[in-house]
Amino acid sequence: MAHSQGKRRRLVADIVRQGRLQNPPLLPRGGHQLLAALAAASALMFAVPGAALASNGSSAKAGSGAHKEKAGKAAAGNSSKRNGSRAAPNGRSASAKETRESRGAKVRKTGTAEVRTAAAAATTRTARRSPPAGTIQEASNAEARLIAVYEMFGRGQSRPALAKARDLVRDYPNFQLAQLVYGDLLAAQLPPSNALPDSASIAKMRGNPAMAELHEESKRRLQALRDRPPANTVPSQFLALSTRSRYAIAVDASRSRLYLFENSDKGLKLTADYYISVGKAGTDKVTEGDARTPLGVYYITSSLDPKSLKDFYGAGALPINYPNPYDVRRGKTGGGIWLHGTPPQQFARAPLASDGCVVMANPDLKQLLRKVQIGATPVVTARSLQWISQSQAEKEAQSIRSAITGWKDARASGNEAQLKKFYLPDFQRSSKKSNEGISVVDDEVKYAQGKRVQLKDMSYLHWRDGDDTMVVTFGEVFEGEKSGRSRRQYWLRQGTDWKLFHEEILG
C-alpha cells in the first residue's frame, strides 16, 4: 500500500514538473506521450453529466482504529485489483476491464480538441434535461474551485480553466487531484500532432494504481456534486433530533461524502458536505484489523488536540463510540474509529484508503471541529444514504414514540409485570452508579415512586440492517424537581413490539 501511495505522489509530481517545463513549439514528436494520453482521457472524464450544474450551486466560501494506522501503510490507496472491481457511486458495478476498454476505444478514435467539444456538448445536453434536485449548500473552497475548472473545460474554455487550475495548485500545493488536472490542462495545450496518444502510453496510464485512485476520487467528487439530495429531505436515520444537538453528521460511503446538518426548531438543514475516504476494505467493520469502516449510528465522544497527535492525523481527530451497544450485541470487535485529517503533504486520500476511519481534508475537518458537540453530535455511517421527507420521518417515529410512552406509564404506575414486557432478558445498563444485584424493573419502579415525569429533548435515530433498531436519547424531570437523568436507550423491534436491550445513564 505504501508503494502505491508513493507512486501516486511521484506520478503527480512528474506530470506537473513536465507540464510546467513544456514549450509546445520545441517539443520533439512524442516527447510527452503520457501527458497527451492523460489529456485525452481526462477530457472524457470531464464530460460527466451535471458537473457544471453542480458547481453553479456551490458557495463561494466554498480495521482497527485510526490511532493504530501507520503513516506509510495507511496513507496508501487501493491496489489496482481493488480499484478494478469497485462499485460505481450510482450503485452499479462495472469491471475495470470493461471501463478501460470502453474509454480506450474512444481515446483511440478521438483527438483532444474533439473530446473537449464532446465534453461541452454533454454538459449542455445535461443542463437541458436534468436540473439538480438540490443545490450544493457548501463545498470546501478547494473542491468548489476544482469543480469550476471542470465546468469551464466542459464548456470548451480551456485557457480560463488552465488559469484557474494554476491558481488552485498554487494555493493548495498538496492537492494531488488538482495537480493532475493542472498537468492535464497543460498537456491539452499541445499541438494536435503532438497530442495524439499511442497505445503504449494509454496502457501505461491504465496500469498505474495511483492513476486509478485519482480517477476514482475525481469521479466520486463529481458524482456526489451532481446527484444532490432531494430538497427538504433528511437521511432516513434521522427521525427526530433534539435541538440540544445543534449539528448532525451523515456519511455516504458509496459517494465518499460526509453531510453536515444544522439543527433547529424548524428541523434539520443541510449546510455543508465534504469529500471523505473510508477503509481500504470498504465498510461494515466486523473484527479488529479488518480495515473496514463501521456502519451504524454513533456519537462523537471527544475531540483530540492535534498537538497531541502525529502529523499523520492532520488538523485533529474526533473519536466515535464504535463499537456501540448494538455492535457489541452482534459480537463486533475493534475500536479507535476516528474522523481525522490528513498529513501536511497530502490534501486528500483515495476513496478507500484508511484502516477504518473516516478521513477528511484538513480545511474541511477544521470547519467540522468548530461545530461538533462532544456526546451530543450523532454520526451516521451508511453504505448509501436513503433520503426521506420530514413528514415521513415523523410518521416513522410514531411507533417508537408509542413504545416510550407505554414504558413511561408502566413505570409510573408501579406495574412491574407490565414494565418487564419492555425489556429483553439480556438487557444491560451502563451508568456511573452501580446497580448490581438490583433488577432493572425494581430499580425503575423505586426510582419513579409513582411520580409524574416529563420526558424532554427526545431524539430518535433509526438503524435498519436486517434488524430494526432505534437509538433514543432523552432527559427526564420529575414533577417538583429542577433536574433529572439523561438517558440513551437502544431498542430492538421484535414483531410489532419494541424491546429494550441496552441503556446508558448519561448524567
Protein backbone atom coordinates (compact mmCIF):
# COMPACT_ATOMS: atom_id res chain seq x y z
CA MET A 1 0.00 0.00 0.00
CA ALA A 2 2.79 2.44 0.84
CA HIS A 3 4.35 1.66 -2.53
CA SER A 4 1.07 2.57 -4.24
CA GLN A 5 0.83 5.86 -2.36
CA GLY A 6 4.43 6.68 -3.29
CA LYS A 7 3.60 6.05 -6.95
CA ARG A 8 0.63 8.40 -6.61
CA ARG A 9 2.80 11.24 -5.34
CA ARG A 10 5.60 10.63 -7.86
CA LEU A 11 3.15 10.44 -10.73
CA VAL A 12 1.55 13.79 -9.91
CA ALA A 13 4.92 15.45 -9.32
CA ASP A 14 6.24 14.16 -12.65
CA ILE A 15 3.16 15.31 -14.54
CA VAL A 16 3.28 18.82 -13.13
CA ARG A 17 7.07 19.13 -13.45
CA GLN A 18 6.99 18.10 -17.10
CA GLY A 19 3.92 20.22 -17.76
CA ARG A 20 5.44 23.40 -16.34
CA LEU A 21 8.64 22.96 -18.32
CA GLN A 22 6.98 22.25 -21.62
CA ASN A 23 7.36 24.59 -24.59
CA PRO A 24 4.99 23.25 -27.25
CA PRO A 25 6.72 24.64 -30.37
CA LEU A 26 10.02 22.98 -29.39
CA LEU A 27 8.67 19.63 -28.22
CA PRO A 28 10.02 16.62 -30.10
CA ARG A 29 7.38 14.36 -31.61
CA GLY A 30 6.06 12.00 -28.93
CA GLY A 31 8.12 13.75 -26.21
CA HIS A 32 5.14 13.97 -23.86
CA GLN A 33 3.10 10.97 -24.87
CA LEU A 34 1.96 10.19 -21.34
CA LEU A 35 0.76 13.75 -20.83
CA ALA A 36 -1.11 13.65 -24.12
CA ALA A 37 -2.80 10.40 -23.15
CA LEU A 38 -3.79 11.88 -19.79
CA ALA A 39 -5.26 14.93 -21.50
CA ALA A 40 -7.44 12.85 -23.80
CA ALA A 41 -8.59 10.52 -21.03
CA SER A 42 -9.30 13.37 -18.62
CA ALA A 43 -11.34 15.21 -21.21
CA LEU A 44 -13.64 12.20 -21.35
CA MET A 45 -13.81 12.24 -17.58
CA PHE A 46 -14.66 15.95 -17.54
CA ALA A 47 -17.76 15.22 -19.59
CA VAL A 48 -19.52 13.70 -16.56
CA PRO A 49 -23.12 14.94 -16.90
CA GLY A 50 -24.17 17.64 -14.49
CA ALA A 51 -20.74 18.76 -13.33
CA ALA A 52 -21.40 22.30 -14.49
CA LEU A 53 -24.79 22.37 -12.83
CA ALA A 54 -23.35 21.13 -9.57
CA SER A 55 -20.66 23.78 -9.42
CA ASN A 56 -23.16 26.57 -10.11
CA GLY A 57 -24.83 25.83 -6.79
CA SER A 58 -21.65 25.87 -4.71
CA SER A 59 -20.92 28.50 -2.12
CA ALA A 60 -18.15 30.96 -2.86
CA LYS A 61 -16.74 30.02 0.52
CA ALA A 62 -17.00 27.21 -0.73
CA GLY A 63 -9.59 -2.09 10.85
CA SER A 64 -8.51 -1.24 13.92
CA GLY A 65 -8.66 2.41 14.78
CA ALA A 66 -7.14 5.47 13.27
CA HIS A 67 -4.69 5.81 16.12
CA LYS A 68 -3.24 2.42 15.10
CA GLU A 69 -2.69 3.36 11.46
CA LYS A 70 0.88 3.59 10.30
CA ALA A 71 1.60 6.74 8.32
CA GLY A 72 3.14 4.96 5.38
CA LYS A 73 0.84 1.97 5.33
CA ALA A 74 -2.49 3.68 5.93
CA ALA A 75 -1.85 6.63 3.63
CA ALA A 76 -1.71 4.17 0.76
CA GLY A 77 -4.64 3.75 -1.58
CA ASN A 78 -6.06 0.59 -3.01
CA SER A 79 -4.32 -1.89 -5.24
CA SER A 80 -5.14 -1.84 -8.92
CA LYS A 81 -7.13 -5.02 -8.41
CA ARG A 82 -9.34 -3.39 -5.82
CA ASN A 83 -9.89 -0.36 -8.00
CA GLY A 84 -10.84 -2.59 -10.86
CA SER A 85 -13.87 -4.10 -9.18
CA ARG A 86 -15.07 -1.15 -7.10
CA ALA A 87 -18.76 -0.33 -7.24
CA ALA A 88 -19.58 2.91 -9.01
CA PRO A 89 -21.12 5.71 -6.93
CA ASN A 90 -24.52 5.18 -8.53
CA GLY A 91 -24.63 1.65 -7.14
CA ARG A 92 -23.90 -0.11 -10.44
CA SER A 93 -20.88 -2.35 -10.70
CA ALA A 94 -18.57 -2.31 -13.68
CA SER A 95 -15.31 -4.16 -14.07
CA ALA A 96 -12.11 -2.22 -14.62
CA LYS A 97 -11.54 -4.15 -17.85
CA GLU A 98 -14.89 -3.07 -19.29
CA THR A 99 -14.34 0.55 -18.26
CA ARG A 100 -10.82 0.67 -19.65
CA GLU A 101 -11.78 -0.97 -22.94
CA SER A 102 -14.66 1.46 -23.43
CA ARG A 103 -12.58 4.50 -22.61
CA GLY A 104 -9.62 3.27 -24.63
CA ALA A 105 -11.75 2.77 -27.74
CA LYS A 106 -12.97 6.36 -27.51
CA VAL A 107 -9.49 7.76 -26.97
CA ARG A 108 -8.06 5.97 -29.98
CA LYS A 109 -10.75 7.45 -32.22
CA THR A 110 -10.88 10.96 -30.83
CA GLY A 111 -8.40 13.85 -30.78
CA THR A 112 -8.09 16.14 -27.77
CA ALA A 113 -9.96 19.02 -29.40
CA GLU A 114 -12.81 16.74 -30.44
CA VAL A 115 -13.09 15.34 -26.92
CA ARG A 116 -13.31 18.84 -25.47
CA THR A 117 -16.12 19.61 -27.92
CA ALA A 118 -17.91 16.42 -26.91
CA ALA A 119 -17.49 17.34 -23.24
CA ALA A 120 -19.08 20.73 -23.80
CA ALA A 121 -21.94 19.16 -25.74
CA ALA A 122 -22.55 16.58 -22.99
CA THR A 123 -22.68 19.33 -20.37
CA THR A 124 -25.14 21.34 -22.46
CA ARG A 125 -27.39 18.32 -23.02
CA THR A 126 -27.42 17.56 -19.31
CA ALA A 127 -28.26 21.16 -18.44
CA ARG A 128 -31.32 20.91 -20.67
CA ARG A 129 -32.69 17.64 -19.38
CA SER A 130 -31.73 17.13 -15.73
CA PRO A 131 -31.88 20.07 -13.34
CA PRO A 132 -30.31 19.22 -9.97
CA ALA A 133 -32.61 18.09 -7.17
CA GLY A 134 -30.87 20.37 -4.70
CA THR A 135 -28.01 22.81 -4.91
CA ILE A 136 -24.73 22.43 -3.09
CA GLN A 137 -25.06 24.02 0.31
CA GLU A 138 -21.33 24.42 0.72
CA ALA A 139 -18.30 22.67 -0.68
CA SER A 140 -14.80 23.17 0.61
CA ASN A 141 -13.13 26.09 -1.11
CA ALA A 142 -10.60 23.85 -2.85
CA GLU A 143 -13.23 21.44 -4.14
CA ALA A 144 -15.54 24.21 -5.35
CA ARG A 145 -12.65 25.68 -7.32
CA LEU A 146 -11.78 22.28 -8.80
CA ILE A 147 -15.37 21.78 -9.95
CA ALA A 148 -15.28 25.24 -11.55
CA VAL A 149 -12.25 24.07 -13.54
CA TYR A 150 -14.17 21.00 -14.71
CA GLU A 151 -17.10 23.20 -15.69
CA MET A 152 -15.01 25.61 -17.75
CA PHE A 153 -13.22 22.78 -19.52
CA GLY A 154 -16.54 21.09 -20.27
CA ARG A 155 -17.68 24.32 -21.94
CA GLY A 156 -14.58 24.40 -24.10
CA GLN A 157 -12.96 27.26 -22.13
CA SER A 158 -9.60 25.54 -21.80
CA ARG A 159 -7.40 28.59 -21.21
CA PRO A 160 -9.52 30.09 -18.40
CA ALA A 161 -9.73 26.58 -16.92
CA LEU A 162 -5.94 26.36 -17.05
CA ALA A 163 -5.60 29.72 -15.28
CA LYS A 164 -7.99 28.64 -12.53
CA ALA A 165 -6.19 25.31 -12.15
CA ARG A 166 -2.84 27.11 -11.89
CA ASP A 167 -4.18 29.35 -9.11
CA LEU A 168 -5.69 26.33 -7.35
CA VAL A 169 -2.44 24.36 -7.19
CA ARG A 170 -0.61 27.49 -6.10
CA ASP A 171 -2.98 27.88 -3.13
CA TYR A 172 -3.23 24.12 -2.40
CA PRO A 173 0.11 22.62 -3.50
CA ASN A 174 -0.66 19.31 -1.74
CA PHE A 175 -3.99 18.77 -3.57
CA GLN A 176 -2.88 15.86 -5.77
CA LEU A 177 -6.01 15.64 -7.89
CA ALA A 178 -5.80 19.35 -8.66
CA GLN A 179 -2.14 18.90 -9.63
CA LEU A 180 -3.12 16.11 -12.01
CA VAL A 181 -5.87 18.20 -13.60
CA TYR A 182 -3.43 21.09 -13.99
CA GLY A 183 -0.96 18.77 -15.70
CA ASP A 184 -3.72 17.50 -17.99
CA LEU A 185 -4.74 21.02 -18.95
CA LEU A 186 -1.15 21.95 -19.69
CA ALA A 187 -0.91 18.88 -21.89
CA ALA A 188 -4.13 19.88 -23.65
CA GLN A 189 -2.30 22.95 -24.99
CA LEU A 190 -0.03 20.74 -27.09
CA PRO A 191 -0.32 21.00 -30.89
CA PRO A 192 -2.55 18.26 -32.39
CA SER A 193 0.43 16.46 -33.95
CA ASN A 194 1.96 16.00 -30.51
CA ALA A 195 -1.29 15.41 -28.62
CA LEU A 196 -2.33 12.12 -30.17
CA PRO A 197 -1.77 9.31 -27.64
CA ASP A 198 -0.23 6.00 -28.57
CA SER A 199 -1.37 2.61 -27.26
CA ALA A 200 1.72 2.15 -25.06
CA SER A 201 1.11 5.43 -23.23
CA ILE A 202 -2.55 4.61 -22.70
CA ALA A 203 -1.66 1.16 -21.37
CA LYS A 204 0.88 2.67 -19.00
CA MET A 205 -1.67 5.14 -17.73
CA ARG A 206 -4.33 2.48 -17.17
CA GLY A 207 -1.96 0.15 -15.37
CA ASN A 208 -0.83 2.71 -12.79
CA PRO A 209 -2.68 2.18 -9.47
CA ALA A 210 -2.07 5.81 -8.48
CA MET A 211 -3.80 6.99 -11.65
CA ALA A 212 -6.76 4.70 -10.96
CA GLU A 213 -7.08 6.14 -7.44
CA LEU A 214 -7.00 9.73 -8.68
CA HIS A 215 -9.55 8.96 -11.37
CA GLU A 216 -11.85 7.31 -8.83
CA GLU A 217 -11.51 10.29 -6.48
CA SER A 218 -12.43 12.66 -9.29
CA LYS A 219 -15.38 10.52 -10.36
CA ARG A 220 -16.78 10.34 -6.84
CA ARG A 221 -16.44 14.07 -6.26
CA LEU A 222 -18.32 14.80 -9.48
CA GLN A 223 -20.95 12.15 -8.84
CA ALA A 224 -21.71 13.43 -5.35
CA LEU A 225 -21.95 17.01 -6.53
CA ARG A 226 -24.17 16.07 -9.45
CA ASP A 227 -26.58 13.78 -7.58
CA ARG A 228 -27.70 16.15 -4.85
CA PRO A 229 -30.05 15.08 -2.05
CA PRO A 230 -33.66 15.98 -2.84
CA ALA A 231 -34.73 19.33 -1.41
CA ASN A 232 -36.22 19.30 2.12
CA THR A 233 -35.18 15.74 2.89
CA VAL A 234 -33.03 14.11 5.57
CA PRO A 235 -31.22 10.76 5.85
CA SER A 236 -33.70 8.05 6.85
CA GLN A 237 -31.88 7.51 10.17
CA PHE A 238 -32.75 10.98 11.48
CA LEU A 239 -36.39 10.55 12.55
CA ALA A 240 -36.17 13.25 15.22
CA LEU A 241 -33.30 15.17 16.79
CA SER A 242 -33.42 17.30 19.91
CA THR A 243 -32.30 20.90 19.47
CA ARG A 244 -29.71 20.18 22.17
CA SER A 245 -27.85 18.53 19.29
CA ARG A 246 -27.02 21.57 17.20
CA TYR A 247 -25.44 19.54 14.40
CA ALA A 248 -25.66 16.05 12.92
CA ILE A 249 -23.36 14.15 10.56
CA ALA A 250 -24.16 11.53 7.95
CA VAL A 251 -21.57 9.63 5.86
CA ASP A 252 -22.41 8.07 2.50
CA ALA A 253 -19.54 5.67 1.72
CA SER A 254 -20.74 4.96 -1.83
CA ARG A 255 -20.29 8.64 -2.71
CA SER A 256 -17.25 9.27 -0.47
CA ARG A 257 -19.26 12.07 1.09
CA LEU A 258 -19.89 13.49 4.55
CA TYR A 259 -23.03 15.63 5.01
CA LEU A 260 -23.26 18.17 7.83
CA PHE A 261 -26.69 19.25 9.09
CA GLU A 262 -27.60 22.18 11.30
CA ASN A 263 -30.46 21.51 13.71
CA SER A 264 -33.07 23.99 14.92
CA ASP A 265 -36.70 24.05 15.99
CA LYS A 266 -37.52 24.01 12.28
CA GLY A 267 -35.70 20.70 11.79
CA LEU A 268 -32.51 19.62 10.10
CA LYS A 269 -30.98 21.67 7.30
CA LEU A 270 -28.09 20.51 5.12
CA THR A 271 -25.41 23.17 5.47
CA ALA A 272 -22.24 21.58 4.07
CA ASP A 273 -20.86 18.40 2.54
CA TYR A 274 -17.32 17.19 2.01
CA TYR A 275 -15.31 14.53 0.19
CA ILE A 276 -14.07 11.79 2.55
CA SER A 277 -12.15 8.49 2.48
CA VAL A 278 -13.12 5.27 4.26
CA GLY A 279 -11.48 1.91 4.96
CA LYS A 280 -9.23 0.17 2.44
CA ALA A 281 -11.52 -2.88 2.54
CA GLY A 282 -14.70 -0.81 2.40
CA THR A 283 -17.42 -0.71 5.03
CA ASP A 284 -19.22 -2.93 7.57
CA LYS A 285 -16.49 -3.43 10.13
CA VAL A 286 -16.72 -6.75 11.97
CA THR A 287 -13.36 -7.55 13.55
CA GLU A 288 -10.22 -5.84 14.80
CA GLY A 289 -7.86 -5.01 11.96
CA ASP A 290 -10.21 -5.74 9.04
CA ALA A 291 -9.57 -2.26 7.52
CA ARG A 292 -13.30 -1.57 7.25
CA THR A 293 -15.33 1.45 8.34
CA PRO A 294 -18.20 0.55 10.70
CA LEU A 295 -21.83 1.05 9.69
CA GLY A 296 -24.35 2.33 12.21
CA VAL A 297 -25.46 5.16 14.49
CA TYR A 298 -22.72 6.67 16.64
CA TYR A 299 -21.86 9.76 18.66
CA ILE A 300 -18.76 11.94 18.86
CA THR A 301 -17.11 11.06 22.18
CA SER A 302 -14.19 13.53 22.30
CA SER A 303 -12.02 15.91 20.32
CA LEU A 304 -8.29 15.20 20.27
CA ASP A 305 -5.87 18.11 20.27
CA PRO A 306 -3.72 17.95 17.10
CA LYS A 307 -0.70 18.88 19.24
CA SER A 308 -1.03 15.52 20.95
CA LEU A 309 -1.21 13.62 17.64
CA LYS A 310 1.26 12.72 14.93
CA ASP A 311 1.24 14.89 11.81
CA PHE A 312 -0.34 11.94 10.02
CA TYR A 313 -3.73 12.81 11.57
CA GLY A 314 -3.67 16.38 10.36
CA ALA A 315 -5.86 19.07 11.93
CA GLY A 316 -7.26 16.83 14.66
CA ALA A 317 -9.42 13.81 15.39
CA LEU A 318 -12.98 13.11 16.54
CA PRO A 319 -13.40 9.60 18.02
CA ILE A 320 -16.83 7.93 17.81
CA ASN A 321 -18.33 5.29 20.11
CA TYR A 322 -17.63 2.22 17.98
CA PRO A 323 -18.42 -0.46 18.97
CA ASN A 324 -21.79 0.79 20.18
CA PRO A 325 -24.10 -1.49 22.24
CA TYR A 326 -25.72 -2.87 19.08
CA ASP A 327 -22.29 -3.72 17.65
CA VAL A 328 -21.32 -5.44 20.91
CA ARG A 329 -24.56 -7.41 20.90
CA ARG A 330 -23.61 -8.78 17.47
CA GLY A 331 -20.06 -9.65 18.50
CA LYS A 332 -18.25 -6.95 16.55
CA THR A 333 -14.74 -6.07 17.75
CA GLY A 334 -12.11 -3.40 17.27
CA GLY A 335 -12.10 0.23 18.27
CA GLY A 336 -10.39 3.57 17.86
CA ILE A 337 -12.52 4.73 14.94
CA TRP A 338 -11.99 8.43 14.33
CA LEU A 339 -12.91 11.21 11.95
CA HIS A 340 -9.50 12.77 11.28
CA GLY A 341 -7.41 14.81 8.85
CA THR A 342 -4.51 14.15 6.50
CA PRO A 343 -0.74 14.64 6.72
CA PRO A 344 0.51 18.14 5.80
CA GLN A 345 1.94 16.95 2.46
CA GLN A 346 -1.36 15.38 1.37
CA PHE A 347 -4.63 17.24 0.73
CA ALA A 348 -6.88 14.19 0.39
CA ARG A 349 -6.64 10.41 0.31
CA ALA A 350 -8.05 7.85 -2.10
CA PRO A 351 -11.72 6.90 -1.59
CA LEU A 352 -10.69 3.62 0.06
CA ALA A 353 -7.52 4.36 1.98
CA SER A 354 -7.80 4.18 5.79
CA ASP A 355 -7.68 1.39 8.36
CA GLY A 356 -11.36 2.03 9.12
CA CYS A 357 -11.51 5.71 9.98
CA VAL A 358 -13.28 8.49 8.08
CA VAL A 359 -10.61 10.82 6.67
CA MET A 360 -11.18 14.42 5.55
CA ALA A 361 -9.05 17.19 4.06
CA ASN A 362 -7.71 19.39 6.85
CA PRO A 363 -9.57 22.58 5.80
CA ASP A 364 -12.83 20.60 5.86
CA LEU A 365 -12.08 18.98 9.21
CA LYS A 366 -11.34 22.39 10.74
CA GLN A 367 -14.85 23.52 9.80
CA LEU A 368 -16.28 20.41 11.43
CA LEU A 369 -14.21 20.83 14.60
CA ARG A 370 -15.78 24.24 15.20
CA LYS A 371 -19.31 22.82 15.16
CA VAL A 372 -19.49 19.36 16.74
CA GLN A 373 -20.59 18.82 20.34
CA ILE A 374 -18.97 16.12 22.42
CA GLY A 375 -21.53 13.46 23.34
CA ALA A 376 -24.36 15.23 21.51
CA THR A 377 -23.44 15.15 17.80
CA PRO A 378 -24.68 11.96 16.12
CA VAL A 379 -22.69 10.37 13.29
CA VAL A 380 -24.48 8.01 10.91
CA THR A 381 -22.23 5.93 8.63
CA ALA A 382 -24.03 4.14 5.80
CA ARG A 383 -23.12 2.33 2.59
CA SER A 384 -25.60 4.55 0.80
CA LEU A 385 -27.88 7.12 2.41
CA GLN A 386 -31.60 6.99 1.76
CA TRP A 387 -33.34 10.38 1.91
CA ILE A 388 -36.87 10.91 3.25
CA SER A 389 -39.13 13.91 3.83
CA GLN A 390 -39.61 15.45 7.28
CA SER A 391 -43.24 14.30 7.27
CA GLN A 392 -42.19 10.71 6.50
CA ALA A 393 -39.63 10.87 9.33
CA GLU A 394 -42.32 11.98 11.76
CA LYS A 395 -44.60 9.16 10.62
CA GLU A 396 -41.89 6.51 11.06
CA ALA A 397 -41.17 7.81 14.58
CA GLN A 398 -44.74 7.19 15.77
CA SER A 399 -44.24 3.52 16.70
CA ILE A 400 -41.20 4.16 18.91
CA ARG A 401 -42.95 7.16 20.50
CA SER A 402 -45.80 4.87 21.46
CA ALA A 403 -43.35 2.37 22.98
CA ILE A 404 -41.61 5.08 25.02
CA THR A 405 -44.97 6.36 26.29
CA GLY A 406 -46.03 2.84 27.29
CA TRP A 407 -42.72 2.27 29.09
CA LYS A 408 -43.08 5.59 30.97
CA ASP A 409 -46.70 4.91 32.01
CA ALA A 410 -45.95 1.36 33.22
CA ARG A 411 -43.09 2.65 35.32
CA ALA A 412 -45.16 5.50 36.81
CA SER A 413 -47.99 3.13 37.75
CA GLY A 414 -45.61 0.74 39.50
CA ASN A 415 -46.85 -2.14 37.34
CA GLU A 416 -43.76 -4.35 37.34
CA ALA A 417 -45.33 -7.08 35.21
CA GLN A 418 -46.26 -4.61 32.50
CA LEU A 419 -42.92 -2.81 32.71
CA LYS A 420 -41.00 -6.08 32.38
CA LYS A 421 -42.55 -6.63 28.93
CA PHE A 422 -40.49 -3.74 27.56
CA TYR A 423 -37.12 -5.42 28.36
CA LEU A 424 -35.30 -8.26 26.64
CA PRO A 425 -33.98 -10.96 29.04
CA ASP A 426 -30.35 -9.98 28.30
CA PHE A 427 -30.92 -6.26 28.89
CA GLN A 428 -27.85 -4.39 30.15
CA ARG A 429 -27.36 -0.96 31.65
CA SER A 430 -24.21 1.10 31.95
CA SER A 431 -24.08 4.01 34.38
CA LYS A 432 -21.75 5.77 36.76
CA LYS A 433 -23.71 4.37 39.68
CA SER A 434 -23.63 0.60 40.12
CA ASN A 435 -26.97 -1.23 40.35
CA GLU A 436 -25.57 -4.73 40.77
CA GLY A 437 -27.95 -7.11 42.45
CA ILE A 438 -30.99 -4.96 41.71
CA SER A 439 -33.33 -5.91 38.88
CA VAL A 440 -33.83 -3.16 36.36
CA VAL A 441 -37.61 -3.31 36.77
CA ASP A 442 -37.41 -3.00 40.55
CA ASP A 443 -34.89 -0.18 40.22
CA GLU A 444 -37.08 1.76 37.78
CA VAL A 445 -40.22 1.42 39.92
CA LYS A 446 -38.39 2.60 43.05
CA TYR A 447 -36.78 5.44 41.11
CA ALA A 448 -40.12 6.69 39.79
CA GLN A 449 -42.11 6.10 43.03
CA GLY A 450 -45.33 6.95 41.28
CA LYS A 451 -44.22 10.48 40.43
CA ARG A 452 -45.26 12.28 37.29
CA VAL A 453 -42.35 12.66 34.93
CA GLN A 454 -41.74 14.82 31.91
CA LEU A 455 -39.59 13.42 29.10
CA LYS A 456 -37.91 16.14 27.06
CA ASP A 457 -35.27 16.69 24.37
CA MET A 458 -36.25 13.49 22.59
CA SER A 459 -34.08 12.12 19.76
CA TYR A 460 -34.94 9.08 17.65
CA LEU A 461 -32.25 7.63 15.38
CA HIS A 462 -33.30 4.66 13.28
CA TRP A 463 -30.95 1.92 12.05
CA ARG A 464 -32.07 -0.98 9.88
CA ASP A 465 -29.68 -3.67 8.59
CA GLY A 466 -31.57 -6.91 8.98
CA ASP A 467 -32.65 -5.98 12.48
CA ASP A 468 -34.74 -2.92 13.16
CA THR A 469 -33.16 -0.80 15.91
CA MET A 470 -33.69 2.62 17.42
CA VAL A 471 -31.32 4.80 19.47
CA VAL A 472 -33.40 7.02 21.74
CA THR A 473 -31.90 9.86 23.79
CA PHE A 474 -33.89 11.99 26.23
CA GLY A 475 -33.88 13.82 29.54
CA GLU A 476 -36.43 13.30 32.30
CA VAL A 477 -37.52 15.62 35.08
CA PHE A 478 -39.90 14.56 37.83
CA GLU A 479 -42.64 16.90 38.97
CA GLY A 480 -41.36 19.31 41.59
CA GLU A 481 -37.69 18.83 40.65
CA LYS A 482 -35.42 21.07 38.58
CA SER A 483 -33.16 18.41 37.04
CA GLY A 484 -33.06 14.70 36.41
CA ARG A 485 -31.42 11.92 34.43
CA SER A 486 -30.35 11.90 30.81
CA ARG A 487 -30.65 8.52 29.14
CA ARG A 488 -29.69 6.85 25.87
CA GLN A 489 -31.69 3.71 25.16
CA TYR A 490 -31.21 1.05 22.50
CA TRP A 491 -34.41 -0.60 21.28
CA LEU A 492 -34.88 -3.64 19.03
CA ARG A 493 -38.11 -4.37 17.15
CA GLN A 494 -39.44 -7.88 17.61
CA GLY A 495 -42.52 -8.41 15.50
CA THR A 496 -44.69 -5.37 16.15
CA ASP A 497 -43.19 -4.62 19.58
CA TRP A 498 -40.15 -2.60 20.58
CA LYS A 499 -37.90 -4.09 23.28
CA LEU A 500 -35.08 -2.50 25.29
CA PHE A 501 -31.73 -4.29 25.17
CA HIS A 502 -29.36 -1.61 26.47
CA GLU A 503 -29.42 1.68 28.30
CA GLU A 504 -26.80 4.27 29.18
CA ILE A 505 -27.33 6.75 32.01
CA LEU A 506 -25.55 9.82 30.66
CA GLY A 507 -25.87 12.03 33.71
